[in-house]
Structures are given as structure tokens and as C-alpha cells.
């Protein structure tokens, strides 16, 4: 998933879709790339599980896949929790790692 978002154009497409579902034409209208290029970027995002597509008439409308977004969030939350735990440990133990003495 992170590889898919590593490309600036794909990140922009993902951010556009976060605002709401869009067709390839709607996405391409806001970007300096062709519709075929947008389709290729959407294919990568879809394979990564970050977006889903729904047929609406002859068009495909793309949207952020909530399950994919949850997986990305869980990935980053893991680091957030580790960082908070390390901060709490440092705050309690000081720079030397010794526990802070309790005061009465």
C-alpha cells in the first residue's frame, strides 16, 4: 500500500477520491496527465486495496476503499503507539533510564 502511495500522482488521485467518488474523466480533468495514465494509476491503487470501482452505466466510478484505508491507518497507528510508549518510558525514567523516585 505504501508503495502505491509513494508516487505523487497516485497520492493526488487518492486525496481527490477522499473528497468523494469520481470517474476517470473527473479525476483526469484536475490533473496534468492523460486519462489512460489516470487509469493506470487507479489500477495500481486498486491492486493495493486502496480504492474500489463501481460500474455506473458505461463509466467506472472510483472511491477510497474503507478497508484499505483502515489497513494504512493501522500500520501507522502501530508506530504512533510505539512512539508514545517510548516517550512515556523516557519521561518516567529520564534520560539515563533510571526510574523517577516517588515523592511522598
PDB file of N, CA and C in Angstrom:
ATOM      1  N   UNK A   1       0.812  -1.187   0.000  1.00  0.00           N
ATOM      2  CA  UNK A   1       0.000   0.000   0.000  1.00  0.00           C
ATOM      3  C   UNK A   1       0.859   1.255   0.000  1.00  0.00           C
ATOM      4  N   UNK A   2       1.913   1.228   0.783  1.00  0.00           N
ATOM      5  CA  UNK A   2       2.767   2.412   0.838  1.00  0.00           C
ATOM      6  C   UNK A   2       3.482   2.649  -0.486  1.00  0.00           C
ATOM      7  N   UNK A   3       3.848   1.562  -1.156  1.00  0.00           N
ATOM      8  CA  UNK A   3       4.462   1.713  -2.480  1.00  0.00           C
ATOM      9  C   UNK A   3       3.505   2.391  -3.442  1.00  0.00           C
ATOM     10  N   UNK A   4       2.251   2.003  -3.395  1.00  0.00           N
ATOM     11  CA  UNK A   4       1.250   2.595  -4.283  1.00  0.00           C
ATOM     12  C   UNK A   4       1.116   4.088  -4.014  1.00  0.00           C
ATOM     13  N   UNK A   5       1.213   4.481  -2.759  1.00  0.00           N
ATOM     14  CA  UNK A   5       1.088   5.894  -2.406  1.00  0.00           C
ATOM     15  C   UNK A   5       2.418   6.640  -2.516  1.00  0.00           C
ATOM     16  N   UNK A   6       3.475   5.919  -2.858  1.00  0.00           N
ATOM     17  CA  UNK A   6       4.789   6.528  -2.992  1.00  0.00           C
ATOM     18  C   UNK A   6       4.904   7.445  -4.197  1.00  0.00           C
ATOM     19  N   UNK A   7       4.023   7.273  -5.152  1.00  0.00           N
ATOM     20  CA  UNK A   7       4.032   8.109  -6.347  1.00  0.00           C
ATOM     21  C   UNK A   7       3.160   9.343  -6.103  1.00  0.00           C
ATOM     22  N   UNK A   8       3.672  10.521  -6.428  1.00  0.00           N
ATOM     23  CA  UNK A   8       2.960  11.768  -6.183  1.00  0.00           C
ATOM     24  C   UNK A   8       1.615  11.861  -6.886  1.00  0.00           C
ATOM     25  N   UNK A   9       1.552  11.384  -8.127  1.00  0.00           N
ATOM     26  CA  UNK A   9       0.286  11.426  -8.862  1.00  0.00           C
ATOM     27  C   UNK A   9      -0.736  10.512  -8.219  1.00  0.00           C
ATOM     28  N   UNK A  10      -0.320   9.336  -7.792  1.00  0.00           N
ATOM     29  CA  UNK A  10      -1.259   8.419  -7.127  1.00  0.00           C
ATOM     30  C   UNK A  10      -1.740   8.996  -5.797  1.00  0.00           C
ATOM     31  N   UNK A  11      -0.838   9.655  -5.070  1.00  0.00           N
ATOM     32  CA  UNK A  11      -1.266  10.297  -3.817  1.00  0.00           C
ATOM     33  C   UNK A  11      -2.310  11.372  -4.101  1.00  0.00           C
ATOM     34  N   UNK A  12      -2.092  12.149  -5.145  1.00  0.00           N
ATOM     35  CA  UNK A  12      -3.051  13.197  -5.507  1.00  0.00           C
ATOM     36  C   UNK A  12      -4.393  12.580  -5.866  1.00  0.00           C
ATOM     37  N   UNK A  13      -4.377  11.501  -6.650  1.00  0.00           N
ATOM     38  CA  UNK A  13      -5.613  10.813  -7.022  1.00  0.00           C
ATOM     39  C   UNK A  13      -6.309  10.290  -5.774  1.00  0.00           C
ATOM     40  N   UNK A  14      -5.559   9.681  -4.880  1.00  0.00           N
ATOM     41  CA  UNK A  14      -6.122   9.149  -3.643  1.00  0.00           C
ATOM     42  C   UNK A  14      -6.757  10.273  -2.821  1.00  0.00           C
ATOM     43  N   UNK A  15      -6.091  11.406  -2.744  1.00  0.00           N
ATOM     44  CA  UNK A  15      -6.617  12.550  -1.993  1.00  0.00           C
ATOM     45  C   UNK A  15      -7.882  13.102  -2.647  1.00  0.00           C
ATOM     46  N   UNK A  16      -7.922  13.121  -3.983  1.00  0.00           N
ATOM     47  CA  UNK A  16      -9.144  13.550  -4.680  1.00  0.00           C
ATOM     48  C   UNK A  16     -10.300  12.616  -4.343  1.00  0.00           C
ATOM     49  N   UNK A  17     -10.017  11.325  -4.331  1.00  0.00           N
ATOM     50  CA  UNK A  17     -11.065  10.344  -4.040  1.00  0.00           C
ATOM     51  C   UNK A  17     -11.503  10.396  -2.574  1.00  0.00           C
ATOM     52  N   UNK A  18     -10.626  10.857  -1.703  1.00  0.00           N
ATOM     53  CA  UNK A  18     -11.003  11.005  -0.297  1.00  0.00           C
ATOM     54  C   UNK A  18     -12.112  12.045  -0.146  1.00  0.00           C
ATOM     55  N   UNK A  19     -12.184  12.977  -1.090  1.00  0.00           N
ATOM     56  CA  UNK A  19     -13.234  14.001  -1.058  1.00  0.00           C
ATOM     57  C   UNK A  19     -14.556  13.466  -1.606  1.00  0.00           C
ATOM     58  N   UNK A  20     -14.506  12.322  -2.283  1.00  0.00           N
ATOM     59  CA  UNK A  20     -15.724  11.718  -2.813  1.00  0.00           C
ATOM     60  C   UNK A  20     -15.445  10.937  -4.081  1.00  0.00           C
ATOM     61  N   UNK A  21     -16.343  10.020  -4.425  1.00  0.00           N
ATOM     62  CA  UNK A  21     -16.165   9.182  -5.616  1.00  0.00           C
ATOM     63  C   UNK A  21     -16.094  10.024  -6.890  1.00  0.00           C
ATOM     64  N   UNK A  22     -15.299   9.540  -7.847  1.00  0.00           N
ATOM     65  CA  UNK A  22     -15.125  10.243  -9.124  1.00  0.00           C
ATOM     66  C   UNK A  22     -14.870   9.248 -10.245  1.00  0.00           C
ATOM     67  N   UNK A  23     -15.208   9.674 -11.433  1.00  0.00           N
ATOM     68  CA  UNK A  23     -14.904   8.880 -12.628  1.00  0.00           C
ATOM     69  C   UNK A  23     -13.486   9.205 -13.081  1.00  0.00           C
ATOM     70  N   UNK A  24     -12.974   8.403 -14.002  1.00  0.00           N
ATOM     71  CA  UNK A  24     -11.632   8.650 -14.544  1.00  0.00           C
ATOM     72  C   UNK A  24     -11.586  10.032 -15.184  1.00  0.00           C
ATOM     73  N   UNK A  25     -12.630  10.391 -15.923  1.00  0.00           N
ATOM     74  CA  UNK A  25     -12.670  11.700 -16.587  1.00  0.00           C
ATOM     75  C   UNK A  25     -12.618  12.829 -15.568  1.00  0.00           C
ATOM     76  N   UNK A  26     -13.369  12.711 -14.485  1.00  0.00           N
ATOM     77  CA  UNK A  26     -13.368  13.744 -13.454  1.00  0.00           C
ATOM     78  C   UNK A  26     -12.001  13.867 -12.795  1.00  0.00           C
ATOM     79  N   UNK A  27     -11.348  12.750 -12.586  1.00  0.00           N
ATOM     80  CA  UNK A  27     -10.013  12.780 -11.981  1.00  0.00           C
ATOM     81  C   UNK A  27      -9.023  13.412 -12.947  1.00  0.00           C
ATOM     82  N   UNK A  28      -9.063  12.982 -14.202  1.00  0.00           N
ATOM     83  CA  UNK A  28      -8.118  13.475 -15.211  1.00  0.00           C
ATOM     84  C   UNK A  28      -8.276  14.968 -15.460  1.00  0.00           C
ATOM     85  N   UNK A  29      -9.500  15.481 -15.345  1.00  0.00           N
ATOM     86  CA  UNK A  29      -9.727  16.911 -15.569  1.00  0.00           C
ATOM     87  C   UNK A  29      -8.934  17.775 -14.600  1.00  0.00           C
ATOM     88  N   UNK A  30      -8.649  17.266 -13.424  1.00  0.00           N
ATOM     89  CA  UNK A  30      -7.927  18.045 -12.429  1.00  0.00           C
ATOM     90  C   UNK A  30      -6.438  17.772 -12.381  1.00  0.00           C
ATOM     91  N   UNK A  31      -5.938  16.954 -13.289  1.00  0.00           N
ATOM     92  CA  UNK A  31      -4.519  16.572 -13.262  1.00  0.00           C
ATOM     93  C   UNK A  31      -3.844  16.834 -14.601  1.00  0.00           C
ATOM     94  N   UNK A  32      -2.548  17.035 -14.582  1.00  0.00           N
ATOM     95  CA  UNK A  32      -1.807  17.243 -15.833  1.00  0.00           C
ATOM     96  C   UNK A  32      -1.364  15.926 -16.487  1.00  0.00           C
ATOM     97  N   UNK A  33      -2.202  14.891 -16.391  1.00  0.00           N
ATOM     98  CA  UNK A  33      -1.899  13.597 -17.015  1.00  0.00           C
ATOM     99  C   UNK A  33      -3.112  13.145 -17.823  1.00  0.00           C
ATOM    100  N   UNK A  34      -2.886  12.246 -18.747  1.00  0.00           N
ATOM    101  CA  UNK A  34      -3.953  11.769 -19.621  1.00  0.00           C
ATOM    102  C   UNK A  34      -4.893  10.814 -18.888  1.00  0.00           C
ATOM    103  N   UNK A  35      -6.044  10.585 -19.489  1.00  0.00           N
ATOM    104  CA  UNK A  35      -6.987   9.619 -18.917  1.00  0.00           C
ATOM    105  C   UNK A  35      -6.397   8.218 -18.846  1.00  0.00           C
ATOM    106  N   UNK A  36      -5.689   7.764 -19.908  1.00  0.00           N
ATOM    107  CA  UNK A  36      -5.068   6.436 -19.801  1.00  0.00           C
ATOM    108  C   UNK A  36      -4.063   6.353 -18.647  1.00  0.00           C
ATOM    109  N   UNK A  37      -3.330   7.443 -18.407  1.00  0.00           N
ATOM    110  CA  UNK A  37      -2.371   7.453 -17.298  1.00  0.00           C
ATOM    111  C   UNK A  37      -3.113   7.388 -15.961  1.00  0.00           C
ATOM    112  N   UNK A  38      -4.232   8.116 -15.853  1.00  0.00           N
ATOM    113  CA  UNK A  38      -5.033   8.071 -14.630  1.00  0.00           C
ATOM    114  C   UNK A  38      -5.540   6.653 -14.418  1.00  0.00           C
ATOM    115  N   UNK A  39      -5.994   6.011 -15.492  1.00  0.00           N
ATOM    116  CA  UNK A  39      -6.484   4.630 -15.391  1.00  0.00           C
ATOM    117  C   UNK A  39      -5.399   3.697 -14.878  1.00  0.00           C
ATOM    118  N   UNK A  40      -4.171   3.882 -15.346  1.00  0.00           N
ATOM    119  CA  UNK A  40      -3.069   3.046 -14.882  1.00  0.00           C
ATOM    120  C   UNK A  40      -2.781   3.284 -13.400  1.00  0.00           C
ATOM    121  N   UNK A  41      -2.815   4.538 -12.987  1.00  0.00           N
ATOM    122  CA  UNK A  41      -2.603   4.843 -11.567  1.00  0.00           C
ATOM    123  C   UNK A  41      -3.721   4.245 -10.720  1.00  0.00           C
ATOM    124  N   UNK A  42      -4.952   4.329 -11.202  1.00  0.00           N
ATOM    125  CA  UNK A  42      -6.081   3.746 -10.471  1.00  0.00           C
ATOM    126  C   UNK A  42      -5.948   2.233 -10.370  1.00  0.00           C
ATOM    127  N   UNK A  43      -5.416   1.612 -11.412  1.00  0.00           N
ATOM    128  CA  UNK A  43      -5.207   0.161 -11.387  1.00  0.00           C
ATOM    129  C   UNK A  43      -4.237  -0.204 -10.261  1.00  0.00           C
ATOM    130  N   UNK A  44      -3.171   0.556 -10.111  1.00  0.00           N
ATOM    131  CA  UNK A  44      -2.191   0.296  -9.052  1.00  0.00           C
ATOM    132  C   UNK A  44      -2.843   0.493  -7.680  1.00  0.00           C
ATOM    133  N   UNK A  45      -3.607   1.577  -7.528  1.00  0.00           N
ATOM    134  CA  UNK A  45      -4.275   1.838  -6.259  1.00  0.00           C
ATOM    135  C   UNK A  45      -5.305   0.754  -5.937  1.00  0.00           C
ATOM    136  N   UNK A  46      -5.985   0.270  -6.972  1.00  0.00           N
ATOM    137  CA  UNK A  46      -6.983  -0.784  -6.765  1.00  0.00           C
ATOM    138  C   UNK A  46      -6.304  -2.095  -6.369  1.00  0.00           C
ATOM    139  N   UNK A  47      -5.221  -2.445  -7.038  1.00  0.00           N
ATOM    140  CA  UNK A  47      -4.485  -3.671  -6.711  1.00  0.00           C
ATOM    141  C   UNK A  47      -3.919  -3.617  -5.290  1.00  0.00           C
ATOM    142  N   UNK A  48      -3.612  -2.408  -4.819  1.00  0.00           N
ATOM    143  CA  UNK A  48      -3.092  -2.239  -3.464  1.00  0.00           C
ATOM    144  C   UNK A  48      -4.220  -2.253  -2.424  1.00  0.00           C
ATOM    145  N   UNK A  49      -5.462  -2.292  -2.894  1.00  0.00           N
ATOM    146  CA  UNK A  49      -6.601  -2.330  -1.980  1.00  0.00           C
ATOM    147  C   UNK A  49      -6.999  -0.976  -1.433  1.00  0.00           C
ATOM    148  N   UNK A  50      -6.520   0.096  -2.058  1.00  0.00           N
ATOM    149  CA  UNK A  50      -6.799   1.437  -1.556  1.00  0.00           C
ATOM    150  C   UNK A  50      -8.043   2.076  -2.163  1.00  0.00           C
ATOM    151  N   UNK A  51      -8.425   1.642  -3.356  1.00  0.00           N
ATOM    152  CA  UNK A  51      -9.628   2.173  -3.990  1.00  0.00           C
ATOM    153  C   UNK A  51     -10.470   1.022  -4.530  1.00  0.00           C
ATOM    154  N   UNK A  52     -11.739   1.311  -4.721  1.00  0.00           N
ATOM    155  CA  UNK A  52     -12.646   0.339  -5.327  1.00  0.00           C
ATOM    156  C   UNK A  52     -13.325   1.017  -6.506  1.00  0.00           C
ATOM    157  N   UNK A  53     -13.866   0.208  -7.400  1.00  0.00           N
ATOM    158  CA  UNK A  53     -14.543   0.738  -8.584  1.00  0.00           C
ATOM    159  C   UNK A  53     -15.950   0.159  -8.671  1.00  0.00           C
ATOM    160  N   UNK A  54     -16.872   0.999  -9.097  1.00  0.00           N
ATOM    161  CA  UNK A  54     -18.253   0.586  -9.284  1.00  0.00           C
ATOM    162  C   UNK A  54     -18.684   0.994 -10.687  1.00  0.00           C
ATOM    163  N   UNK A  55     -19.321   0.087 -11.398  1.00  0.00           N
ATOM    164  CA  UNK A  55     -19.831   0.413 -12.737  1.00  0.00           C
ATOM    165  C   UNK A  55     -21.095   1.245 -12.588  1.00  0.00           C
ATOM    166  N   UNK A  56     -21.106   2.381 -13.269  1.00  0.00           N
ATOM    167  CA  UNK A  56     -22.285   3.250 -13.314  1.00  0.00           C
ATOM    168  C   UNK A  56     -22.529   3.548 -14.787  1.00  0.00           C
ATOM    169  N   UNK A  57     -23.452   2.808 -15.369  1.00  0.00           N
ATOM    170  CA  UNK A  57     -23.657   2.924 -16.816  1.00  0.00           C
ATOM    171  C   UNK A  57     -22.430   2.417 -17.541  1.00  0.00           C
ATOM    172  N   UNK A  58     -21.876   3.264 -18.391  1.00  0.00           N
ATOM    173  CA  UNK A  58     -20.686   2.881 -19.152  1.00  0.00           C
ATOM    174  C   UNK A  58     -19.396   3.341 -18.467  1.00  0.00           C
ATOM    175  N   UNK A  59     -19.532   4.030 -17.349  1.00  0.00           N
ATOM    176  CA  UNK A  59     -18.353   4.546 -16.635  1.00  0.00           C
ATOM    177  C   UNK A  59     -18.055   3.700 -15.410  1.00  0.00           C
ATOM    178  N   UNK A  60     -16.843   3.856 -14.941  1.00  0.00           N
ATOM    179  CA  UNK A  60     -16.466   3.262 -13.658  1.00  0.00           C
ATOM    180  C   UNK A  60     -16.200   4.426 -12.724  1.00  0.00           C
ATOM    181  N   UNK A  61     -16.811   4.353 -11.561  1.00  0.00           N
ATOM    182  CA  UNK A  61     -16.631   5.394 -10.561  1.00  0.00           C
ATOM    183  C   UNK A  61     -15.756   4.804  -9.460  1.00  0.00           C
ATOM    184  N   UNK A  62     -14.712   5.535  -9.119  1.00  0.00           N
ATOM    185  CA  UNK A  62     -13.735   5.077  -8.131  1.00  0.00           C
ATOM    186  C   UNK A  62     -13.955   5.802  -6.809  1.00  0.00           C
ATOM    187  N   UNK A  63     -13.676   5.093  -5.730  1.00  0.00           N
ATOM    188  CA  UNK A  63     -13.801   5.648  -4.387  1.00  0.00           C
ATOM    189  C   UNK A  63     -12.730   5.028  -3.501  1.00  0.00           C
ATOM    190  N   UNK A  64     -12.415   5.701  -2.419  1.00  0.00           N
ATOM    191  CA  UNK A  64     -11.479   5.152  -1.440  1.00  0.00           C
ATOM    192  C   UNK A  64     -12.116   3.906  -0.831  1.00  0.00           C
ATOM    193  N   UNK A  65     -11.355   2.845  -0.745  1.00  0.00           N
ATOM    194  CA  UNK A  65     -11.835   1.602  -0.122  1.00  0.00           C
ATOM    195  C   UNK A  65     -11.607   1.712   1.385  1.00  0.00           C
ATOM    196  N   UNK A  66     -12.682   1.727   2.178  1.00  0.00           N
ATOM    197  CA  UNK A  66     -12.523   1.884   3.628  1.00  0.00           C
ATOM    198  C   UNK A  66     -11.631   0.822   4.265  1.00  0.00           C
ATOM    199  N   UNK A  67     -11.677  -0.396   3.762  1.00  0.00           N
ATOM    200  CA  UNK A  67     -10.836  -1.462   4.334  1.00  0.00           C
ATOM    201  C   UNK A  67      -9.360  -1.176   4.077  1.00  0.00           C
ATOM    202  N   UNK A  68      -9.034  -0.697   2.895  1.00  0.00           N
ATOM    203  CA  UNK A  68      -7.652  -0.350   2.577  1.00  0.00           C
ATOM    204  C   UNK A  68      -7.160   0.819   3.402  1.00  0.00           C
ATOM    205  N   UNK A  69      -8.029   1.797   3.566  1.00  0.00           N
ATOM    206  CA  UNK A  69      -7.677   2.955   4.381  1.00  0.00           C
ATOM    207  C   UNK A  69      -7.468   2.544   5.838  1.00  0.00           C
ATOM    208  N   UNK A  70      -8.288   1.635   6.323  1.00  0.00           N
ATOM    209  CA  UNK A  70      -8.140   1.137   7.696  1.00  0.00           C
ATOM    210  C   UNK A  70      -6.806   0.416   7.865  1.00  0.00           C
ATOM    211  N   UNK A  71      -6.394  -0.322   6.846  1.00  0.00           N
ATOM    212  CA  UNK A  71      -5.114  -1.034   6.920  1.00  0.00           C
ATOM    213  C   UNK A  71      -3.940  -0.059   6.975  1.00  0.00           C
ATOM    214  N   UNK A  72      -4.014   1.015   6.191  1.00  0.00           N
ATOM    215  CA  UNK A  72      -2.954   2.033   6.222  1.00  0.00           C
ATOM    216  C   UNK A  72      -2.922   2.693   7.600  1.00  0.00           C
ATOM    217  N   UNK A  73      -4.103   3.017   8.107  1.00  0.00           N
ATOM    218  CA  UNK A  73      -4.163   3.657   9.428  1.00  0.00           C
ATOM    219  C   UNK A  73      -3.607   2.732  10.503  1.00  0.00           C
ATOM    220  N   UNK A  74      -3.956   1.459  10.457  1.00  0.00           N
ATOM    221  CA  UNK A  74      -3.460   0.507  11.447  1.00  0.00           C
ATOM    222  C   UNK A  74      -1.938   0.419  11.388  1.00  0.00           C
ATOM    223  N   UNK A  75      -1.392   0.465  10.183  1.00  0.00           N
ATOM    224  CA  UNK A  75       0.059   0.420  10.014  1.00  0.00           C
ATOM    225  C   UNK A  75       0.714   1.601  10.729  1.00  0.00           C
ATOM    226  N   UNK A  76       0.188   2.810  10.493  1.00  0.00           N
ATOM    227  CA  UNK A  76       0.771   3.995  11.118  1.00  0.00           C
ATOM    228  C   UNK A  76       0.447   4.090  12.602  1.00  0.00           C
ATOM    229  N   UNK A  77      -0.732   3.622  13.005  1.00  0.00           N
ATOM    230  CA  UNK A  77      -1.094   3.625  14.427  1.00  0.00           C
ATOM    231  C   UNK A  77      -0.103   2.806  15.243  1.00  0.00           C
ATOM    232  N   UNK A  78       0.375   1.720  14.660  1.00  0.00           N
ATOM    233  CA  UNK A  78       1.342   0.881  15.358  1.00  0.00           C
ATOM    234  C   UNK A  78       2.580   1.698  15.739  1.00  0.00           C
ATOM    235  N   UNK A  79       3.055   2.512  14.815  1.00  0.00           N
ATOM    236  CA  UNK A  79       4.228   3.342  15.095  1.00  0.00           C
ATOM    237  C   UNK A  79       3.894   4.447  16.087  1.00  0.00           C
ATOM    238  N   UNK A  80       2.700   4.991  15.990  1.00  0.00           N
ATOM    239  CA  UNK A  80       2.272   6.033  16.912  1.00  0.00           C
ATOM    240  C   UNK A  80       2.256   5.496  18.337  1.00  0.00           C
ATOM    241  N   UNK A  81       1.679   4.303  18.514  1.00  0.00           N
ATOM    242  CA  UNK A  81       1.611   3.709  19.848  1.00  0.00           C
ATOM    243  C   UNK A  81       3.004   3.388  20.380  1.00  0.00           C
ATOM    244  N   UNK A  82       3.887   2.905  19.519  1.00  0.00           N
ATOM    245  CA  UNK A  82       5.261   2.615  19.935  1.00  0.00           C
ATOM    246  C   UNK A  82       5.975   3.902  20.343  1.00  0.00           C
ATOM    247  N   UNK A  83       5.754   4.964  19.590  1.00  0.00           N
ATOM    248  CA  UNK A  83       6.389   6.247  19.906  1.00  0.00           C
ATOM    249  C   UNK A  83       5.878   6.802  21.224  1.00  0.00           C
ATOM    250  N   UNK A  84       4.573   6.710  21.460  1.00  0.00           N
ATOM    251  CA  UNK A  84       4.012   7.191  22.724  1.00  0.00           C
ATOM    252  C   UNK A  84       4.535   6.383  23.906  1.00  0.00           C
ATOM    253  N   UNK A  85       4.654   5.075  23.729  1.00  0.00           N
ATOM    254  CA  UNK A  85       5.171   4.223  24.803  1.00  0.00           C
ATOM    255  C   UNK A  85       6.631   4.570  25.096  1.00  0.00           C
ATOM    256  N   UNK A  86       7.421   4.804  24.056  1.00  0.00           N
ATOM    257  CA  UNK A  86       8.825   5.169  24.251  1.00  0.00           C
ATOM    258  C   UNK A  86       8.935   6.528  24.937  1.00  0.00           C
ATOM    259  N   UNK A  87       8.069   7.461  24.568  1.00  0.00           N
ATOM    260  CA  UNK A  87       8.067   8.777  25.199  1.00  0.00           C
ATOM    261  C   UNK A  87       7.703   8.660  26.675  1.00  0.00           C
ATOM    262  N   UNK A  88       6.672   7.874  26.982  1.00  0.00           N
ATOM    263  CA  UNK A  88       6.257   7.689  28.376  1.00  0.00           C
ATOM    264  C   UNK A  88       7.379   7.066  29.186  1.00  0.00           C
ATOM    265  N   UNK A  89       8.044   6.086  28.602  1.00  0.00           N
ATOM    266  CA  UNK A  89       9.159   5.435  29.307  1.00  0.00           C
ATOM    267  C   UNK A  89      10.284   6.431  29.545  1.00  0.00           C
ATOM    268  N   UNK A  90      10.592   7.249  28.551  1.00  0.00           N
ATOM    269  CA  UNK A  90      11.664   8.237  28.709  1.00  0.00           C
ATOM    270  C   UNK A  90      11.279   9.285  29.749  1.00  0.00           C
ATOM    271  N   UNK A  91      10.008   9.683  29.745  1.00  0.00           N
ATOM    272  CA  UNK A  91       9.557  10.689  30.706  1.00  0.00           C
ATOM    273  C   UNK A  91       9.590  10.145  32.128  1.00  0.00           C
ATOM    274  N   UNK A  92       9.255   8.877  32.291  1.00  0.00           N
ATOM    275  CA  UNK A  92       9.250   8.268  33.618  1.00  0.00           C
ATOM    276  C   UNK A  92      10.653   7.924  34.098  1.00  0.00           C
ATOM    277  N   UNK A  93      11.516   7.550  33.164  1.00  0.00           N
ATOM    278  CA  UNK A  93      12.848   7.100  33.559  1.00  0.00           C
ATOM    279  C   UNK A  93      13.935   8.119  33.358  1.00  0.00           C
ATOM    280  N   UNK A  94      13.625   9.236  32.751  1.00  0.00           N
ATOM    281  CA  UNK A  94      14.648  10.237  32.497  1.00  0.00           C
ATOM    282  C   UNK A  94      15.591   9.779  31.397  1.00  0.00           C
ATOM    283  N   UNK A  95      16.553  10.596  31.091  1.00  0.00           N
ATOM    284  CA  UNK A  95      17.486  10.318  30.000  1.00  0.00           C
ATOM    285  C   UNK A  95      18.393   9.133  30.311  1.00  0.00           C
ATOM    286  N   UNK A  96      18.630   8.846  31.586  1.00  0.00           N
ATOM    287  CA  UNK A  96      19.532   7.754  31.947  1.00  0.00           C
ATOM    288  C   UNK A  96      18.820   6.414  31.990  1.00  0.00           C
ATOM    289  N   UNK A  97      17.506   6.458  31.959  1.00  0.00           N
ATOM    290  CA  UNK A  97      16.753   5.199  32.021  1.00  0.00           C
ATOM    291  C   UNK A  97      16.435   4.774  33.433  1.00  0.00           C
ATOM    292  N   UNK A  98      16.826   5.565  34.435  1.00  0.00           N
ATOM    293  CA  UNK A  98      16.516   5.235  35.828  1.00  0.00           C
ATOM    294  C   UNK A  98      15.116   5.693  36.158  1.00  0.00           C
ATOM    295  N   UNK A  99      14.365   4.873  36.872  1.00  0.00           N
ATOM    296  CA  UNK A  99      13.012   5.275  37.233  1.00  0.00           C
ATOM    297  C   UNK A  99      13.021   6.509  38.130  1.00  0.00           C
ATOM    298  N   UNK A 100      12.040   7.338  37.950  1.00  0.00           N
ATOM    299  CA  UNK A 100      11.895   8.531  38.779  1.00  0.00           C
ATOM    300  C   UNK A 100      11.413   8.078  40.164  1.00  0.00           C
ATOM    301  N   UNK A 101      12.074   8.588  41.202  1.00  0.00           N
ATOM    302  CA  UNK A 101      11.706   8.197  42.571  1.00  0.00           C
ATOM    303  C   UNK A 101      10.351   8.798  42.908  1.00  0.00           C
ATOM    304  N   UNK A 102       9.538   8.015  43.585  1.00  0.00           N
ATOM    305  CA  UNK A 102       8.240   8.504  44.008  1.00  0.00           C
ATOM    306  C   UNK A 102       8.424   9.473  45.148  1.00  0.00           C
ATOM    307  N   UNK A 103       7.626  10.532  45.125  1.00  0.00           N
ATOM    308  CA  UNK A 103       7.677  11.513  46.216  1.00  0.00           C
ATOM    309  C   UNK A 103       6.500  11.286  47.126  1.00  0.00           C
ATOM    310  N   UNK A 104       6.719  11.459  48.426  1.00  0.00           N
ATOM    311  CA  UNK A 104       5.629  11.258  49.360  1.00  0.00           C
ATOM    312  C   UNK A 104       4.944  12.545  49.704  1.00  0.00           C
TER     313      UNK A 104
END
